[in-house]
Amino acid sequence: MTGSPASSVRETFGAPTETYKLANGTSRWIYSHQPLGYEVYAGDFDANGKPVSFGQMLTEKEIYEAKPGVWTKRDVAERFGHVARACSLLRAHEARGLVVPALCEWLSAGSLQCLL
């Protein structure tokens, strides 16, 4: 996928559930399997629309990069997809015995707002 046109990503995976224009000029397509699945994939595209990466976002590594009290609701959405979807997935990970940070516990203006 990397280096091929964005249209090839869309042909392979379909329309993304969410799209974001990132601060660095790149864009991210989110493919969420929520609320029934346990996966959120993200495809990142350079400023010219060429894919540069594609992968599972709900890994322990990605989850632990979250910065409670610093990240805004938009930061969380850009990383994990829509807030409700991310929260339901984090609950599912917790139920499976995975340790997750308190992503859904901080409540401040513009931050993630759900409780585990």
PDB file of N, CA and C in Angstrom:
ATOM      1  N   MET A   1       0.808  -1.203   0.000  1.00  0.00           N
ATOM      2  CA  MET A   1       0.000   0.000   0.000  1.00  0.00           C
ATOM      3  C   MET A   1       0.852   1.269   0.000  1.00  0.00           C
ATOM      4  N   THR A   2       1.929   1.257   0.774  1.00  0.00           N
ATOM      5  CA  THR A   2       2.753   2.452   0.888  1.00  0.00           C
ATOM      6  C   THR A   2       3.246   2.881  -0.485  1.00  0.00           C
ATOM      7  N   GLY A   3       3.046   4.149  -0.779  1.00  0.00           N
ATOM      8  CA  GLY A   3       3.485   4.690  -2.057  1.00  0.00           C
ATOM      9  C   GLY A   3       2.460   4.617  -3.166  1.00  0.00           C
ATOM     10  N   SER A   4       1.421   3.778  -3.017  1.00  0.00           N
ATOM     11  CA  SER A   4       0.395   3.704  -4.054  1.00  0.00           C
ATOM     12  C   SER A   4      -0.630   4.816  -3.838  1.00  0.00           C
ATOM     13  N   PRO A   5      -1.490   5.057  -4.791  1.00  0.00           N
ATOM     14  CA  PRO A   5      -2.465   6.137  -4.632  1.00  0.00           C
ATOM     15  C   PRO A   5      -3.493   5.829  -3.541  1.00  0.00           C
ATOM     16  N   ALA A   6      -4.061   6.889  -2.979  1.00  0.00           N
ATOM     17  CA  ALA A   6      -5.084   6.736  -1.942  1.00  0.00           C
ATOM     18  C   ALA A   6      -6.254   5.906  -2.460  1.00  0.00           C
ATOM     19  N   SER A   7      -6.519   5.998  -3.739  1.00  0.00           N
ATOM     20  CA  SER A   7      -7.630   5.235  -4.320  1.00  0.00           C
ATOM     21  C   SER A   7      -7.436   3.732  -4.141  1.00  0.00           C
ATOM     22  N   SER A   8      -6.186   3.265  -4.127  1.00  0.00           N
ATOM     23  CA  SER A   8      -5.955   1.825  -3.936  1.00  0.00           C
ATOM     24  C   SER A   8      -6.291   1.405  -2.507  1.00  0.00           C
ATOM     25  N   VAL A   9      -6.066   2.302  -1.548  1.00  0.00           N
ATOM     26  CA  VAL A   9      -6.452   2.012  -0.163  1.00  0.00           C
ATOM     27  C   VAL A   9      -7.965   1.927  -0.076  1.00  0.00           C
ATOM     28  N   ARG A  10      -8.636   2.892  -0.696  1.00  0.00           N
ATOM     29  CA  ARG A  10     -10.101   2.900  -0.670  1.00  0.00           C
ATOM     30  C   ARG A  10     -10.663   1.673  -1.382  1.00  0.00           C
ATOM     31  N   GLU A  11     -10.077   1.266  -2.498  1.00  0.00           N
ATOM     32  CA  GLU A  11     -10.540   0.073  -3.211  1.00  0.00           C
ATOM     33  C   GLU A  11     -10.365  -1.180  -2.368  1.00  0.00           C
ATOM     34  N   THR A  12      -9.273  -1.252  -1.617  1.00  0.00           N
ATOM     35  CA  THR A  12      -8.989  -2.429  -0.802  1.00  0.00           C
ATOM     36  C   THR A  12      -9.813  -2.467   0.469  1.00  0.00           C
ATOM     37  N   PHE A  13      -9.913  -1.344   1.174  1.00  0.00           N
ATOM     38  CA  PHE A  13     -10.538  -1.325   2.499  1.00  0.00           C
ATOM     39  C   PHE A  13     -11.890  -0.639   2.543  1.00  0.00           C
ATOM     40  N   GLY A  14     -12.291   0.002   1.461  1.00  0.00           N
ATOM     41  CA  GLY A  14     -13.559   0.716   1.445  1.00  0.00           C
ATOM     42  C   GLY A  14     -13.407   2.127   1.987  1.00  0.00           C
ATOM     43  N   ALA A  15     -14.531   2.774   2.186  1.00  0.00           N
ATOM     44  CA  ALA A  15     -14.523   4.142   2.699  1.00  0.00           C
ATOM     45  C   ALA A  15     -14.145   4.127   4.176  1.00  0.00           C
ATOM     46  N   PRO A  16     -13.308   5.060   4.618  1.00  0.00           N
ATOM     47  CA  PRO A  16     -12.961   5.117   6.038  1.00  0.00           C
ATOM     48  C   PRO A  16     -14.165   5.542   6.869  1.00  0.00           C
ATOM     49  N   THR A  17     -14.189   5.135   8.133  1.00  0.00           N
ATOM     50  CA  THR A  17     -15.270   5.554   9.023  1.00  0.00           C
ATOM     51  C   THR A  17     -15.075   7.002   9.451  1.00  0.00           C
ATOM     52  N   GLU A  18     -13.818   7.485   9.450  1.00  0.00           N
ATOM     53  CA  GLU A  18     -13.509   8.861   9.816  1.00  0.00           C
ATOM     54  C   GLU A  18     -12.266   9.305   9.061  1.00  0.00           C
ATOM     55  N   THR A  19     -12.169  10.595   8.808  1.00  0.00           N
ATOM     56  CA  THR A  19     -10.955  11.152   8.210  1.00  0.00           C
ATOM     57  C   THR A  19     -10.557  12.400   8.984  1.00  0.00           C
ATOM     58  N   TYR A  20      -9.250  12.621   9.090  1.00  0.00           N
ATOM     59  CA  TYR A  20      -8.716  13.779   9.803  1.00  0.00           C
ATOM     60  C   TYR A  20      -7.580  14.406   9.019  1.00  0.00           C
ATOM     61  N   LYS A  21      -7.565  15.726   8.993  1.00  0.00           N
ATOM     62  CA  LYS A  21      -6.425  16.478   8.472  1.00  0.00           C
ATOM     63  C   LYS A  21      -5.560  16.768   9.693  1.00  0.00           C
ATOM     64  N   LEU A  22      -4.336  16.271   9.706  1.00  0.00           N
ATOM     65  CA  LEU A  22      -3.461  16.425  10.860  1.00  0.00           C
ATOM     66  C   LEU A  22      -2.686  17.738  10.795  1.00  0.00           C
ATOM     67  N   ALA A  23      -2.239  18.186  11.951  1.00  0.00           N
ATOM     68  CA  ALA A  23      -1.551  19.480  12.059  1.00  0.00           C
ATOM     69  C   ALA A  23      -0.308  19.576  11.182  1.00  0.00           C
ATOM     70  N   ASN A  24       0.343  18.454  10.908  1.00  0.00           N
ATOM     71  CA  ASN A  24       1.572  18.480  10.117  1.00  0.00           C
ATOM     72  C   ASN A  24       1.322  18.466   8.606  1.00  0.00           C
ATOM     73  N   GLY A  25       0.042  18.601   8.196  1.00  0.00           N
ATOM     74  CA  GLY A  25      -0.284  18.649   6.777  1.00  0.00           C
ATOM     75  C   GLY A  25      -0.607  17.299   6.165  1.00  0.00           C
ATOM     76  N   THR A  26      -0.448  16.241   6.926  1.00  0.00           N
ATOM     77  CA  THR A  26      -0.799  14.911   6.438  1.00  0.00           C
ATOM     78  C   THR A  26      -2.259  14.634   6.786  1.00  0.00           C
ATOM     79  N   SER A  27      -2.758  13.497   6.361  1.00  0.00           N
ATOM     80  CA  SER A  27      -4.129  13.132   6.715  1.00  0.00           C
ATOM     81  C   SER A  27      -4.148  11.695   7.223  1.00  0.00           C
ATOM     82  N   ARG A  28      -5.191  11.391   7.983  1.00  0.00           N
ATOM     83  CA  ARG A  28      -5.356  10.044   8.547  1.00  0.00           C
ATOM     84  C   ARG A  28      -6.769   9.566   8.263  1.00  0.00           C
ATOM     85  N   TRP A  29      -6.854   8.354   7.742  1.00  0.00           N
ATOM     86  CA  TRP A  29      -8.139   7.692   7.554  1.00  0.00           C
ATOM     87  C   TRP A  29      -8.270   6.655   8.648  1.00  0.00           C
ATOM     88  N   ILE A  30      -9.377   6.693   9.366  1.00  0.00           N
ATOM     89  CA  ILE A  30      -9.649   5.725  10.432  1.00  0.00           C
ATOM     90  C   ILE A  30     -10.643   4.697   9.910  1.00  0.00           C
ATOM     91  N   TYR A  31     -10.330   3.433  10.163  1.00  0.00           N
ATOM     92  CA  TYR A  31     -11.224   2.322   9.853  1.00  0.00           C
ATOM     93  C   TYR A  31     -11.535   1.636  11.172  1.00  0.00           C
ATOM     94  N   SER A  32     -12.705   1.945  11.723  1.00  0.00           N
ATOM     95  CA  SER A  32     -13.079   1.395  13.023  1.00  0.00           C
ATOM     96  C   SER A  32     -14.073   0.253  12.849  1.00  0.00           C
ATOM     97  N   HIS A  33     -13.855  -0.801  13.583  1.00  0.00           N
ATOM     98  CA  HIS A  33     -14.757  -1.950  13.567  1.00  0.00           C
ATOM     99  C   HIS A  33     -15.691  -1.903  14.773  1.00  0.00           C
ATOM    100  N   GLN A  34     -15.805  -0.747  15.387  1.00  0.00           N
ATOM    101  CA  GLN A  34     -16.668  -0.564  16.538  1.00  0.00           C
ATOM    102  C   GLN A  34     -18.101  -0.314  16.084  1.00  0.00           C
ATOM    103  N   PRO A  35     -19.054  -0.629  16.907  1.00  0.00           N
ATOM    104  CA  PRO A  35     -18.913  -1.037  18.300  1.00  0.00           C
ATOM    105  C   PRO A  35     -18.767  -2.541  18.488  1.00  0.00           C
ATOM    106  N   LEU A  36     -18.815  -3.335  17.441  1.00  0.00           N
ATOM    107  CA  LEU A  36     -18.811  -4.787  17.609  1.00  0.00           C
ATOM    108  C   LEU A  36     -17.430  -5.417  17.568  1.00  0.00           C
ATOM    109  N   GLY A  37     -16.468  -4.746  16.968  1.00  0.00           N
ATOM    110  CA  GLY A  37     -15.140  -5.334  16.840  1.00  0.00           C
ATOM    111  C   GLY A  37     -14.152  -4.754  17.819  1.00  0.00           C
ATOM    112  N   TYR A  38     -12.947  -5.259  17.787  1.00  0.00           N
ATOM    113  CA  TYR A  38     -11.887  -4.812  18.694  1.00  0.00           C
ATOM    114  C   TYR A  38     -10.723  -4.189  17.946  1.00  0.00           C
ATOM    115  N   GLU A  39     -10.993  -3.623  16.791  1.00  0.00           N
ATOM    116  CA  GLU A  39      -9.908  -3.115  15.970  1.00  0.00           C
ATOM    117  C   GLU A  39     -10.207  -1.722  15.439  1.00  0.00           C
ATOM    118  N   VAL A  40      -9.166  -0.922  15.403  1.00  0.00           N
ATOM    119  CA  VAL A  40      -9.212   0.383  14.740  1.00  0.00           C
ATOM    120  C   VAL A  40      -7.920   0.491  13.948  1.00  0.00           C
ATOM    121  N   TYR A  41      -8.037   0.617  12.649  1.00  0.00           N
ATOM    122  CA  TYR A  41      -6.871   0.767  11.790  1.00  0.00           C
ATOM    123  C   TYR A  41      -6.788   2.212  11.325  1.00  0.00           C
ATOM    124  N   ALA A  42      -5.582   2.682  11.124  1.00  0.00           N
ATOM    125  CA  ALA A  42      -5.378   4.038  10.621  1.00  0.00           C
ATOM    126  C   ALA A  42      -4.439   3.990   9.430  1.00  0.00           C
ATOM    127  N   GLY A  43      -4.822   4.715   8.408  1.00  0.00           N
ATOM    128  CA  GLY A  43      -3.963   4.893   7.244  1.00  0.00           C
ATOM    129  C   GLY A  43      -3.514   6.339   7.204  1.00  0.00           C
ATOM    130  N   ASP A  44      -2.221   6.553   7.179  1.00  0.00           N
ATOM    131  CA  ASP A  44      -1.678   7.908   7.120  1.00  0.00           C
ATOM    132  C   ASP A  44      -1.206   8.200   5.702  1.00  0.00           C
ATOM    133  N   PHE A  45      -1.501   9.433   5.256  1.00  0.00           N
ATOM    134  CA  PHE A  45      -1.190   9.857   3.899  1.00  0.00           C
ATOM    135  C   PHE A  45      -0.371  11.134   3.952  1.00  0.00           C
ATOM    136  N   ASP A  46       0.634  11.223   3.082  1.00  0.00           N
ATOM    137  CA  ASP A  46       1.451  12.442   3.044  1.00  0.00           C
ATOM    138  C   ASP A  46       0.654  13.584   2.423  1.00  0.00           C
ATOM    139  N   ALA A  47       1.254  14.751   2.355  1.00  0.00           N
ATOM    140  CA  ALA A  47       0.578  15.945   1.835  1.00  0.00           C
ATOM    141  C   ALA A  47       0.131  15.776   0.382  1.00  0.00           C
ATOM    142  N   ASN A  48       0.750  14.836  -0.351  1.00  0.00           N
ATOM    143  CA  ASN A  48       0.374  14.570  -1.743  1.00  0.00           C
ATOM    144  C   ASN A  48      -0.672  13.471  -1.869  1.00  0.00           C
ATOM    145  N   GLY A  49      -1.146  12.949  -0.724  1.00  0.00           N
ATOM    146  CA  GLY A  49      -2.168  11.910  -0.751  1.00  0.00           C
ATOM    147  C   GLY A  49      -1.653  10.501  -0.934  1.00  0.00           C
ATOM    148  N   LYS A  50      -0.353  10.302  -0.829  1.00  0.00           N
ATOM    149  CA  LYS A  50       0.219   8.952  -0.956  1.00  0.00           C
ATOM    150  C   LYS A  50       0.253   8.283   0.416  1.00  0.00           C
ATOM    151  N   PRO A  51      -0.143   7.002   0.510  1.00  0.00           N
ATOM    152  CA  PRO A  51      -0.086   6.293   1.787  1.00  0.00           C
ATOM    153  C   PRO A  51       1.348   6.166   2.293  1.00  0.00           C
ATOM    154  N   VAL A  52       1.537   6.436   3.580  1.00  0.00           N
ATOM    155  CA  VAL A  52       2.861   6.282   4.184  1.00  0.00           C
ATOM    156  C   VAL A  52       2.861   5.239   5.292  1.00  0.00           C
ATOM    157  N   SER A  53       1.694   4.939   5.865  1.00  0.00           N
ATOM    158  CA  SER A  53       1.617   3.877   6.867  1.00  0.00           C
ATOM    159  C   SER A  53       0.171   3.434   7.021  1.00  0.00           C
ATOM    160  N   PHE A  54       0.014   2.218   7.505  1.00  0.00           N
ATOM    161  CA  PHE A  54      -1.310   1.658   7.754  1.00  0.00           C
ATOM    162  C   PHE A  54      -1.151   0.632   8.848  1.00  0.00           C
ATOM    163  N   GLY A  55      -1.932   0.749   9.922  1.00  0.00           N
ATOM    164  CA  GLY A  55      -1.783  -0.238  10.987  1.00  0.00           C
ATOM    165  C   GLY A  55      -2.848  -0.156  12.060  1.00  0.00           C
ATOM    166  N   GLN A  56      -2.815  -1.139  12.920  1.00  0.00           N
ATOM    167  CA  GLN A  56      -3.715  -1.259  14.060  1.00  0.00           C
ATOM    168  C   GLN A  56      -3.354  -0.217  15.103  1.00  0.00           C
ATOM    169  N   MET A  57      -4.319   0.566  15.536  1.00  0.00           N
ATOM    170  CA  MET A  57      -4.065   1.628  16.506  1.00  0.00           C
ATOM    171  C   MET A  57      -4.326   1.187  17.937  1.00  0.00           C
ATOM    172  N   LEU A  58      -5.064   0.126  18.127  1.00  0.00           N
ATOM    173  CA  LEU A  58      -5.402  -0.285  19.478  1.00  0.00           C
ATOM    174  C   LEU A  58      -4.447  -1.351  19.992  1.00  0.00           C
ATOM    175  N   THR A  59      -3.190  -1.011  19.947  1.00  0.00           N
ATOM    176  CA  THR A  59      -2.160  -1.860  20.523  1.00  0.00           C
ATOM    177  C   THR A  59      -1.748  -1.240  21.852  1.00  0.00           C
ATOM    178  N   GLU A  60      -1.132  -2.031  22.693  1.00  0.00           N
ATOM    179  CA  GLU A  60      -0.672  -1.507  23.973  1.00  0.00           C
ATOM    180  C   GLU A  60       0.264  -0.318  23.778  1.00  0.00           C
ATOM    181  N   LYS A  61       1.147  -0.418  22.800  1.00  0.00           N
ATOM    182  CA  LYS A  61       2.087   0.680  22.518  1.00  0.00           C
ATOM    183  C   LYS A  61       1.347   1.971  22.204  1.00  0.00           C
ATOM    184  N   GLU A  62       0.371   1.906  21.308  1.00  0.00           N
ATOM    185  CA  GLU A  62      -0.383   3.104  20.924  1.00  0.00           C
ATOM    186  C   GLU A  62      -1.189   3.645  22.102  1.00  0.00           C
ATOM    187  N   ILE A  63      -1.829   2.775  22.840  1.00  0.00           N
ATOM    188  CA  ILE A  63      -2.657   3.199  23.971  1.00  0.00           C
ATOM    189  C   ILE A  63      -1.810   3.916  25.019  1.00  0.00           C
ATOM    190  N   TYR A  64      -0.620   3.392  25.302  1.00  0.00           N
ATOM    191  CA  TYR A  64       0.224   3.999  26.327  1.00  0.00           C
ATOM    192  C   TYR A  64       0.881   5.306  25.884  1.00  0.00           C
ATOM    193  N   GLU A  65       0.757   5.662  24.618  1.00  0.00           N
ATOM    194  CA  GLU A  65       1.272   6.956  24.174  1.00  0.00           C
ATOM    195  C   GLU A  65       0.297   8.088  24.483  1.00  0.00           C
ATOM    196  N   ALA A  66      -0.925   7.748  24.886  1.00  0.00           N
ATOM    197  CA  ALA A  66      -1.915   8.770  25.244  1.00  0.00           C
ATOM    198  C   ALA A  66      -1.412   9.569  26.441  1.00  0.00           C
ATOM    199  N   LYS A  67      -1.765  10.831  26.468  1.00  0.00           N
ATOM    200  CA  LYS A  67      -1.324  11.729  27.541  1.00  0.00           C
ATOM    201  C   LYS A  67      -2.543  12.310  28.251  1.00  0.00           C
ATOM    202  N   PRO A  68      -3.080  11.576  29.265  1.00  0.00           N
ATOM    203  CA  PRO A  68      -4.234  12.091  30.009  1.00  0.00           C
ATOM    204  C   PRO A  68      -3.938  13.476  30.581  1.00  0.00           C
ATOM    205  N   GLY A  69      -4.920  14.348  30.467  1.00  0.00           N
ATOM    206  CA  GLY A  69      -4.764  15.705  30.959  1.00  0.00           C
ATOM    207  C   GLY A  69      -4.085  16.638  29.968  1.00  0.00           C
ATOM    208  N   VAL A  70      -3.510  16.075  28.908  1.00  0.00           N
ATOM    209  CA  VAL A  70      -2.823  16.868  27.888  1.00  0.00           C
ATOM    210  C   VAL A  70      -3.584  16.754  26.563  1.00  0.00           C
ATOM    211  N   TRP A  71      -3.869  15.533  26.164  1.00  0.00           N
ATOM    212  CA  TRP A  71      -4.559  15.327  24.902  1.00  0.00           C
ATOM    213  C   TRP A  71      -5.978  15.859  24.972  1.00  0.00           C
ATOM    214  N   THR A  72      -6.414  16.428  23.875  1.00  0.00           N
ATOM    215  CA  THR A  72      -7.798  16.876  23.740  1.00  0.00           C
ATOM    216  C   THR A  72      -8.625  15.732  23.154  1.00  0.00           C
ATOM    217  N   LYS A  73      -9.921  15.961  23.122  1.00  0.00           N
ATOM    218  CA  LYS A  73     -10.826  14.990  22.511  1.00  0.00           C
ATOM    219  C   LYS A  73     -10.414  14.756  21.054  1.00  0.00           C
ATOM    220  N   ARG A  74     -10.021  15.804  20.370  1.00  0.00           N
ATOM    221  CA  ARG A  74      -9.578  15.675  18.971  1.00  0.00           C
ATOM    222  C   ARG A  74      -8.309  14.821  18.874  1.00  0.00           C
ATOM    223  N   ASP A  75      -7.363  15.010  19.790  1.00  0.00           N
ATOM    224  CA  ASP A  75      -6.138  14.196  19.785  1.00  0.00           C
ATOM    225  C   ASP A  75      -6.481  12.710  19.897  1.00  0.00           C
ATOM    226  N   VAL A  76      -7.405  12.390  20.793  1.00  0.00           N
ATOM    227  CA  VAL A  76      -7.815  11.000  20.991  1.00  0.00           C
ATOM    228  C   VAL A  76      -8.501  10.476  19.734  1.00  0.00           C
ATOM    229  N   ALA A  77      -9.388  11.276  19.153  1.00  0.00           N
ATOM    230  CA  ALA A  77     -10.104  10.855  17.945  1.00  0.00           C
ATOM    231  C   ALA A  77      -9.141  10.626  16.780  1.00  0.00           C
ATOM    232  N   GLU A  78      -8.145  11.501  16.640  1.00  0.00           N
ATOM    233  CA  GLU A  78      -7.170  11.332  15.563  1.00  0.00           C
ATOM    234  C   GLU A  78      -6.360  10.060  15.727  1.00  0.00           C
ATOM    235  N   ARG A  79      -6.154   9.619  16.947  1.00  0.00           N
ATOM    236  CA  ARG A  79      -5.349   8.422  17.203  1.00  0.00           C
ATOM    237  C   ARG A  79      -6.185   7.145  17.173  1.00  0.00           C
ATOM    238  N   PHE A  80      -7.357   7.177  17.848  1.00  0.00           N
ATOM    239  CA  PHE A  80      -8.134   5.956  18.059  1.00  0.00           C
ATOM    240  C   PHE A  80      -9.506   5.949  17.409  1.00  0.00           C
ATOM    241  N   GLY A  81      -9.899   7.038  16.798  1.00  0.00           N
ATOM    242  CA  GLY A  81     -11.236   7.118  16.236  1.00  0.00           C
ATOM    243  C   GLY A  81     -12.192   7.801  17.195  1.00  0.00           C
ATOM    244  N   HIS A  82     -13.444   7.852  16.797  1.00  0.00           N
ATOM    245  CA  HIS A  82     -14.486   8.526  17.550  1.00  0.00           C
ATOM    246  C   HIS A  82     -14.454   8.110  19.017  1.00  0.00           C
ATOM    247  N   VAL A  83     -14.663   9.061  19.887  1.00  0.00           N
ATOM    248  CA  VAL A  83     -14.544   8.842  21.326  1.00  0.00           C
ATOM    249  C   VAL A  83     -15.373   7.671  21.822  1.00  0.00           C
ATOM    250  N   ALA A  84     -16.634   7.585  21.456  1.00  0.00           N
ATOM    251  CA  ALA A  84     -17.480   6.489  21.929  1.00  0.00           C
ATOM    252  C   ALA A  84     -16.925   5.151  21.480  1.00  0.00           C
ATOM    253  N   ARG A  85     -16.418   5.106  20.259  1.00  0.00           N
ATOM    254  CA  ARG A  85     -15.827   3.864  19.767  1.00  0.00           C
ATOM    255  C   ARG A  85     -14.567   3.522  20.546  1.00  0.00           C
ATOM    256  N   ALA A  86     -13.733   4.506  20.803  1.00  0.00           N
ATOM    257  CA  ALA A  86     -12.491   4.260  21.534  1.00  0.00           C
ATOM    258  C   ALA A  86     -12.788   3.782  22.943  1.00  0.00           C
ATOM    259  N   CYS A  87     -13.756   4.406  23.600  1.00  0.00           N
ATOM    260  CA  CYS A  87     -14.090   4.012  24.966  1.00  0.00           C
ATOM    261  C   CYS A  87     -14.622   2.596  25.027  1.00  0.00           C
ATOM    262  N   SER A  88     -15.485   2.230  24.089  1.00  0.00           N
ATOM    263  CA  SER A  88     -16.018   0.870  24.116  1.00  0.00           C
ATOM    264  C   SER A  88     -14.909  -0.140  23.873  1.00  0.00           C
ATOM    265  N   LEU A  89     -13.946   0.216  23.038  1.00  0.00           N
ATOM    266  CA  LEU A  89     -12.839  -0.682  22.794  1.00  0.00           C
ATOM    267  C   LEU A  89     -11.937  -0.799  24.014  1.00  0.00           C
ATOM    268  N   LEU A  90     -11.663   0.320  24.670  1.00  0.00           N
ATOM    269  CA  LEU A  90     -10.836   0.272  25.872  1.00  0.00           C
ATOM    270  C   LEU A  90     -11.501  -0.557  26.955  1.00  0.00           C
ATOM    271  N   ARG A  91     -12.818  -0.466  27.080  1.00  0.00           N
ATOM    272  CA  ARG A  91     -13.538  -1.308  28.036  1.00  0.00           C
ATOM    273  C   ARG A  91     -13.364  -2.778  27.671  1.00  0.00           C
ATOM    274  N   ALA A  92     -13.430  -3.082  26.390  1.00  0.00           N
ATOM    275  CA  ALA A  92     -13.262  -4.465  25.945  1.00  0.00           C
ATOM    276  C   ALA A  92     -11.859  -4.961  26.258  1.00  0.00           C
ATOM    277  N   HIS A  93     -10.842  -4.118  26.035  1.00  0.00           N
ATOM    278  CA  HIS A  93      -9.468  -4.514  26.368  1.00  0.00           C
ATOM    279  C   HIS A  93      -9.335  -4.749  27.861  1.00  0.00           C
ATOM    280  N   GLU A  94      -9.940  -3.885  28.668  1.00  0.00           N
ATOM    281  CA  GLU A  94      -9.880  -4.050  30.114  1.00  0.00           C
ATOM    282  C   GLU A  94     -10.546  -5.365  30.518  1.00  0.00           C
ATOM    283  N   ALA A  95     -11.687  -5.672  29.907  1.00  0.00           N
ATOM    284  CA  ALA A  95     -12.402  -6.906  30.218  1.00  0.00           C
ATOM    285  C   ALA A  95     -11.586  -8.137  29.846  1.00  0.00           C
ATOM    286  N   ARG A  96     -10.708  -8.011  28.863  1.00  0.00           N
ATOM    287  CA  ARG A  96      -9.861  -9.131  28.451  1.00  0.00           C
ATOM    288  C   ARG A  96      -8.592  -9.205  29.291  1.00  0.00           C
ATOM    289  N   GLY A  97      -8.492  -8.356  30.323  1.00  0.00           N
ATOM    290  CA  GLY A  97      -7.353  -8.423  31.222  1.00  0.00           C
ATOM    291  C   GLY A  97      -6.165  -7.578  30.824  1.00  0.00           C
ATOM    292  N   LEU A  98      -6.314  -6.779  29.787  1.00  0.00           N
ATOM    293  CA  LEU A  98      -5.210  -5.915  29.387  1.00  0.00           C
ATOM    294  C   LEU A  98      -5.208  -4.665  30.249  1.00  0.00           C
ATOM    295  N   VAL A  99      -4.057  -4.244  30.658  1.00  0.00           N
ATOM    296  CA  VAL A  99      -3.937  -3.031  31.450  1.00  0.00           C
ATOM    297  C   VAL A  99      -3.945  -1.849  30.497  1.00  0.00           C
ATOM    298  N   VAL A 100      -4.829  -0.917  30.743  1.00  0.00           N
ATOM    299  CA  VAL A 100      -4.888   0.285  29.905  1.00  0.00           C
ATOM    300  C   VAL A 100      -4.822   1.502  30.805  1.00  0.00           C
ATOM    301  N   PRO A 101      -4.259   2.598  30.325  1.00  0.00           N
ATOM    302  CA  PRO A 101      -4.226   3.817  31.133  1.00  0.00           C
ATOM    303  C   PRO A 101      -5.632   4.376  31.285  1.00  0.00           C
ATOM    304  N   ALA A 102      -5.778   5.304  32.150  1.00  0.00           N
ATOM    305  CA  ALA A 102      -7.096   5.874  32.442  1.00  0.00           C
ATOM    306  C   ALA A 102      -7.510   6.866  31.369  1.00  0.00           C
ATOM    307  N   LEU A 103      -7.510   6.434  30.128  1.00  0.00           N
ATOM    308  CA  LEU A 103      -7.870   7.320  29.021  1.00  0.00           C
ATOM    309  C   LEU A 103      -9.258   7.907  29.181  1.00  0.00           C
ATOM    310  N   CYS A 104     -10.165   7.098  29.688  1.00  0.00           N
ATOM    311  CA  CYS A 104     -11.552   7.547  29.746  1.00  0.00           C
ATOM    312  C   CYS A 104     -11.893   8.206  31.074  1.00  0.00           C
ATOM    313  N   GLU A 105     -10.930   8.491  31.899  1.00  0.00           N
ATOM    314  CA  GLU A 105     -11.237   9.050  33.202  1.00  0.00           C
ATOM    315  C   GLU A 105     -11.064  10.546  33.301  1.00  0.00           C
ATOM    316  N   TRP A 106     -10.298  11.149  32.403  1.00  0.00           N
ATOM    317  CA  TRP A 106     -10.144  12.578  32.579  1.00  0.00           C
ATOM    318  C   TRP A 106     -11.319  13.308  31.959  1.00  0.00           C
ATOM    319  N   LEU A 107     -11.777  14.289  32.697  1.00  0.00           N
ATOM    320  CA  LEU A 107     -12.933  15.076  32.264  1.00  0.00           C
ATOM    321  C   LEU A 107     -12.562  16.549  32.341  1.00  0.00           C
ATOM    322  N   SER A 108     -12.228  17.117  31.227  1.00  0.00           N
ATOM    323  CA  SER A 108     -11.969  18.550  31.167  1.00  0.00           C
ATOM    324  C   SER A 108     -12.371  19.034  29.793  1.00  0.00           C
ATOM    325  N   ALA A 109     -12.435  20.307  29.621  1.00  0.00           N
ATOM    326  CA  ALA A 109     -12.913  20.883  28.363  1.00  0.00           C
ATOM    327  C   ALA A 109     -12.190  20.278  27.177  1.00  0.00           C
ATOM    328  N   GLY A 110     -12.954  19.669  26.282  1.00  0.00           N
ATOM    329  CA  GLY A 110     -12.393  19.116  25.053  1.00  0.00           C
ATOM    330  C   GLY A 110     -11.698  17.788  25.216  1.00  0.00           C
ATOM    331  N   SER A 111     -11.694  17.200  26.397  1.00  0.00           N
ATOM    332  CA  SER A 111     -11.017  15.929  26.603  1.00  0.00           C
ATOM    333  C   SER A 111     -12.010  14.761  26.523  1.00  0.00           C
ATOM    334  N   LEU A 112     -11.472  13.578  26.472  1.00  0.00           N
ATOM    335  CA  LEU A 112     -12.263  12.370  26.396  1.00  0.00           C
ATOM    336  C   LEU A 112     -13.235  12.313  27.556  1.00  0.00           C
ATOM    337  N   GLN A 113     -14.450  11.893  27.302  1.00  0.00           N
ATOM    338  CA  GLN A 113     -15.464  11.964  28.334  1.00  0.00           C
ATOM    339  C   GLN A 113     -16.298  10.674  28.395  1.00  0.00           C
ATOM    340  N   CYS A 114     -15.750   9.657  28.998  1.00  0.00           N
ATOM    341  CA  CYS A 114     -16.505   8.469  29.323  1.00  0.00           C
ATOM    342  C   CYS A 114     -15.777   7.774  30.454  1.00  0.00           C
ATOM    343  N   LEU A 115     -16.426   6.896  31.138  1.00  0.00           N
ATOM    344  CA  LEU A 115     -15.803   6.230  32.282  1.00  0.00           C
ATOM    345  C   LEU A 115     -15.684   4.744  32.002  1.00  0.00           C
ATOM    346  N   LEU A 116     -14.575   4.151  32.388  1.00  0.00           N
ATOM    347  CA  LEU A 116     -14.387   2.715  32.220  1.00  0.00           C
ATOM    348  C   LEU A 116     -15.223   1.967  33.226  1.00  0.00           C
TER     349      LEU A 116
END
